[in-house]
Amino acid sequence: MIEMIFTIIFVIIVFVIGILTKRILYINEHVQSIENGLYIFNDNFETIKSIDKTSDFDLGSGHLYG
């Protein structure tokens, strides 16, 4: 009878450790992915802003709107 109680306690402890470990690993994996996505977005956004600021387009006298 005592072996059965110890076995049940052991299985419950292993089950709880497994759930906690899965939760920690799952969260850390997605945090890194989200941070990577935000870094790429920010890099693209800064590139677009710099292109917008350094525009050297001029309308000459030969254009319809010039």
N, C-alpha and C. Protein backbone atom coordinates (compact mmCIF):
# COMPACT_ATOMS: atom_id res chain seq x y z
N MET A 1 0.82 -1.19 0.00
CA MET A 1 0.00 0.00 0.00
C MET A 1 0.87 1.25 0.00
N ILE A 2 1.96 1.23 0.77
CA ILE A 2 2.83 2.41 0.86
C ILE A 2 3.53 2.67 -0.47
N GLU A 3 3.85 1.56 -1.22
CA GLU A 3 4.47 1.74 -2.52
C GLU A 3 3.54 2.45 -3.49
N MET A 4 2.28 2.15 -3.41
CA MET A 4 1.28 2.77 -4.28
C MET A 4 1.17 4.27 -3.98
N ILE A 5 1.20 4.66 -2.73
CA ILE A 5 1.12 6.07 -2.34
C ILE A 5 2.36 6.81 -2.83
N PHE A 6 3.54 6.24 -2.64
CA PHE A 6 4.77 6.88 -3.12
C PHE A 6 4.80 6.98 -4.65
N THR A 7 4.27 5.97 -5.32
CA THR A 7 4.21 6.01 -6.78
C THR A 7 3.29 7.11 -7.26
N ILE A 8 2.14 7.26 -6.64
CA ILE A 8 1.19 8.32 -7.00
C ILE A 8 1.81 9.70 -6.76
N ILE A 9 2.48 9.86 -5.61
CA ILE A 9 3.12 11.15 -5.30
C ILE A 9 4.22 11.44 -6.33
N PHE A 10 5.02 10.44 -6.68
CA PHE A 10 6.08 10.61 -7.66
C PHE A 10 5.52 11.01 -9.03
N VAL A 11 4.46 10.35 -9.46
CA VAL A 11 3.85 10.66 -10.75
C VAL A 11 3.29 12.08 -10.75
N ILE A 12 2.67 12.50 -9.67
CA ILE A 12 2.13 13.85 -9.58
C ILE A 12 3.25 14.88 -9.63
N ILE A 13 4.34 14.64 -8.93
CA ILE A 13 5.48 15.57 -8.93
C ILE A 13 6.08 15.67 -10.34
N VAL A 14 6.29 14.54 -11.00
CA VAL A 14 6.84 14.56 -12.36
C VAL A 14 5.89 15.26 -13.31
N PHE A 15 4.60 15.06 -13.17
CA PHE A 15 3.59 15.71 -14.01
C PHE A 15 3.63 17.23 -13.83
N VAL A 16 3.71 17.69 -12.59
CA VAL A 16 3.76 19.13 -12.31
C VAL A 16 5.05 19.73 -12.87
N ILE A 17 6.17 19.07 -12.67
CA ILE A 17 7.44 19.57 -13.22
C ILE A 17 7.37 19.64 -14.75
N GLY A 18 6.79 18.64 -15.37
CA GLY A 18 6.65 18.64 -16.83
C GLY A 18 5.79 19.79 -17.33
N ILE A 19 4.69 20.08 -16.65
CA ILE A 19 3.82 21.19 -17.06
C ILE A 19 4.54 22.53 -16.89
N LEU A 20 5.23 22.71 -15.77
CA LEU A 20 5.95 23.97 -15.55
C LEU A 20 7.08 24.15 -16.56
N THR A 21 7.79 23.10 -16.87
CA THR A 21 8.89 23.18 -17.83
C THR A 21 8.36 23.51 -19.21
N LYS A 22 7.28 22.88 -19.61
CA LYS A 22 6.69 23.15 -20.93
C LYS A 22 6.24 24.60 -21.03
N ARG A 23 5.64 25.11 -20.00
CA ARG A 23 5.16 26.49 -20.00
C ARG A 23 6.33 27.47 -20.11
N ILE A 24 7.39 27.23 -19.37
CA ILE A 24 8.55 28.13 -19.40
C ILE A 24 9.21 28.09 -20.78
N LEU A 25 9.41 26.90 -21.34
CA LEU A 25 10.06 26.79 -22.65
C LEU A 25 9.19 27.38 -23.74
N TYR A 26 7.89 27.19 -23.68
CA TYR A 26 6.97 27.70 -24.69
C TYR A 26 6.98 29.22 -24.69
N ILE A 27 6.95 29.83 -23.53
CA ILE A 27 6.94 31.29 -23.43
C ILE A 27 8.25 31.88 -23.92
N ASN A 28 9.39 31.31 -23.53
CA ASN A 28 10.68 31.85 -23.94
C ASN A 28 10.88 31.75 -25.45
N GLU A 29 10.38 30.70 -26.05
CA GLU A 29 10.52 30.54 -27.50
C GLU A 29 9.78 31.65 -28.23
N HIS A 30 8.58 31.98 -27.79
CA HIS A 30 7.79 32.98 -28.48
C HIS A 30 8.27 34.40 -28.17
N VAL A 31 8.81 34.64 -27.02
CA VAL A 31 9.35 35.97 -26.71
C VAL A 31 10.49 36.29 -27.65
N GLN A 32 11.37 35.36 -27.88
CA GLN A 32 12.50 35.57 -28.79
C GLN A 32 11.99 35.80 -30.21
N SER A 33 11.00 35.06 -30.64
CA SER A 33 10.45 35.24 -31.98
C SER A 33 9.79 36.60 -32.14
N ILE A 34 9.06 37.05 -31.11
CA ILE A 34 8.41 38.35 -31.16
C ILE A 34 9.44 39.46 -31.17
N GLU A 35 10.48 39.36 -30.35
CA GLU A 35 11.53 40.38 -30.34
C GLU A 35 12.25 40.44 -31.68
N ASN A 36 12.47 39.30 -32.31
CA ASN A 36 13.10 39.27 -33.62
C ASN A 36 12.21 39.95 -34.66
N GLY A 37 10.92 39.68 -34.62
CA GLY A 37 9.99 40.33 -35.54
C GLY A 37 9.93 41.83 -35.34
N LEU A 38 9.95 42.28 -34.09
CA LEU A 38 9.94 43.72 -33.81
C LEU A 38 11.23 44.38 -34.28
N TYR A 39 12.36 43.69 -34.14
CA TYR A 39 13.64 44.24 -34.62
C TYR A 39 13.62 44.40 -36.14
N ILE A 40 13.12 43.39 -36.84
CA ILE A 40 13.05 43.48 -38.30
C ILE A 40 12.10 44.59 -38.73
N PHE A 41 10.95 44.71 -38.07
CA PHE A 41 10.00 45.77 -38.40
C PHE A 41 10.62 47.14 -38.16
N ASN A 42 11.29 47.32 -37.03
CA ASN A 42 11.89 48.61 -36.72
C ASN A 42 12.99 48.95 -37.72
N ASP A 43 13.78 47.96 -38.12
CA ASP A 43 14.83 48.19 -39.10
C ASP A 43 14.23 48.62 -40.44
N ASN A 44 13.17 47.96 -40.88
CA ASN A 44 12.50 48.33 -42.12
C ASN A 44 11.88 49.72 -42.03
N PHE A 45 11.29 50.03 -40.88
CA PHE A 45 10.66 51.32 -40.68
C PHE A 45 11.68 52.45 -40.73
N GLU A 46 12.83 52.24 -40.10
CA GLU A 46 13.89 53.26 -40.13
C GLU A 46 14.43 53.44 -41.55
N THR A 47 14.52 52.35 -42.31
CA THR A 47 14.98 52.44 -43.70
C THR A 47 14.00 53.26 -44.53
N ILE A 48 12.71 53.03 -44.34
CA ILE A 48 11.70 53.79 -45.08
C ILE A 48 11.76 55.26 -44.70
N LYS A 49 11.96 55.56 -43.42
CA LYS A 49 12.05 56.96 -43.01
C LYS A 49 13.28 57.63 -43.62
N SER A 50 14.39 56.94 -43.70
CA SER A 50 15.60 57.55 -44.27
C SER A 50 15.44 57.74 -45.78
N ILE A 51 14.77 56.85 -46.47
CA ILE A 51 14.52 57.01 -47.90
C ILE A 51 13.64 58.23 -48.13
N ASP A 52 12.64 58.41 -47.28
CA ASP A 52 11.72 59.53 -47.41
C ASP A 52 12.44 60.86 -47.20
N LYS A 53 13.39 60.91 -46.29
CA LYS A 53 14.10 62.16 -45.98
C LYS A 53 15.13 62.52 -47.05
N THR A 54 15.70 61.53 -47.73
CA THR A 54 16.78 61.79 -48.68
C THR A 54 16.29 61.74 -50.13
N SER A 55 15.08 62.12 -50.37
CA SER A 55 14.55 62.10 -51.72
C SER A 55 15.17 63.24 -52.52
N ASP A 56 15.75 62.94 -53.68
CA ASP A 56 16.36 63.95 -54.52
C ASP A 56 15.59 64.14 -55.82
N PHE A 57 14.32 63.88 -55.77
CA PHE A 57 13.48 64.01 -56.95
C PHE A 57 13.12 65.47 -57.16
N ASP A 58 13.41 65.99 -58.35
CA ASP A 58 13.09 67.38 -58.70
C ASP A 58 12.25 67.39 -59.98
N LEU A 59 11.28 68.26 -59.99
CA LEU A 59 10.49 68.44 -61.21
C LEU A 59 11.18 69.50 -62.07
N GLY A 60 11.52 69.12 -63.26
CA GLY A 60 12.17 70.08 -64.16
C GLY A 60 11.15 70.82 -65.01
N SER A 61 11.63 71.66 -65.89
CA SER A 61 10.73 72.47 -66.73
C SER A 61 10.04 71.61 -67.79
N GLY A 62 10.54 70.43 -68.08
CA GLY A 62 9.94 69.60 -69.10
C GLY A 62 8.79 68.75 -68.60
N HIS A 63 8.48 68.79 -67.31
CA HIS A 63 7.41 67.99 -66.74
C HIS A 63 6.06 68.70 -66.89
N LEU A 64 5.04 67.93 -66.89
CA LEU A 64 3.69 68.46 -67.01
C LEU A 64 3.35 69.34 -65.81
N TYR A 65 3.83 68.97 -64.61
CA TYR A 65 3.50 69.73 -63.40
C TYR A 65 4.54 70.79 -63.08
N GLY A 66 5.55 71.01 -63.90
CA GLY A 66 6.65 71.91 -63.60
C GLY A 66 6.38 73.35 -63.83
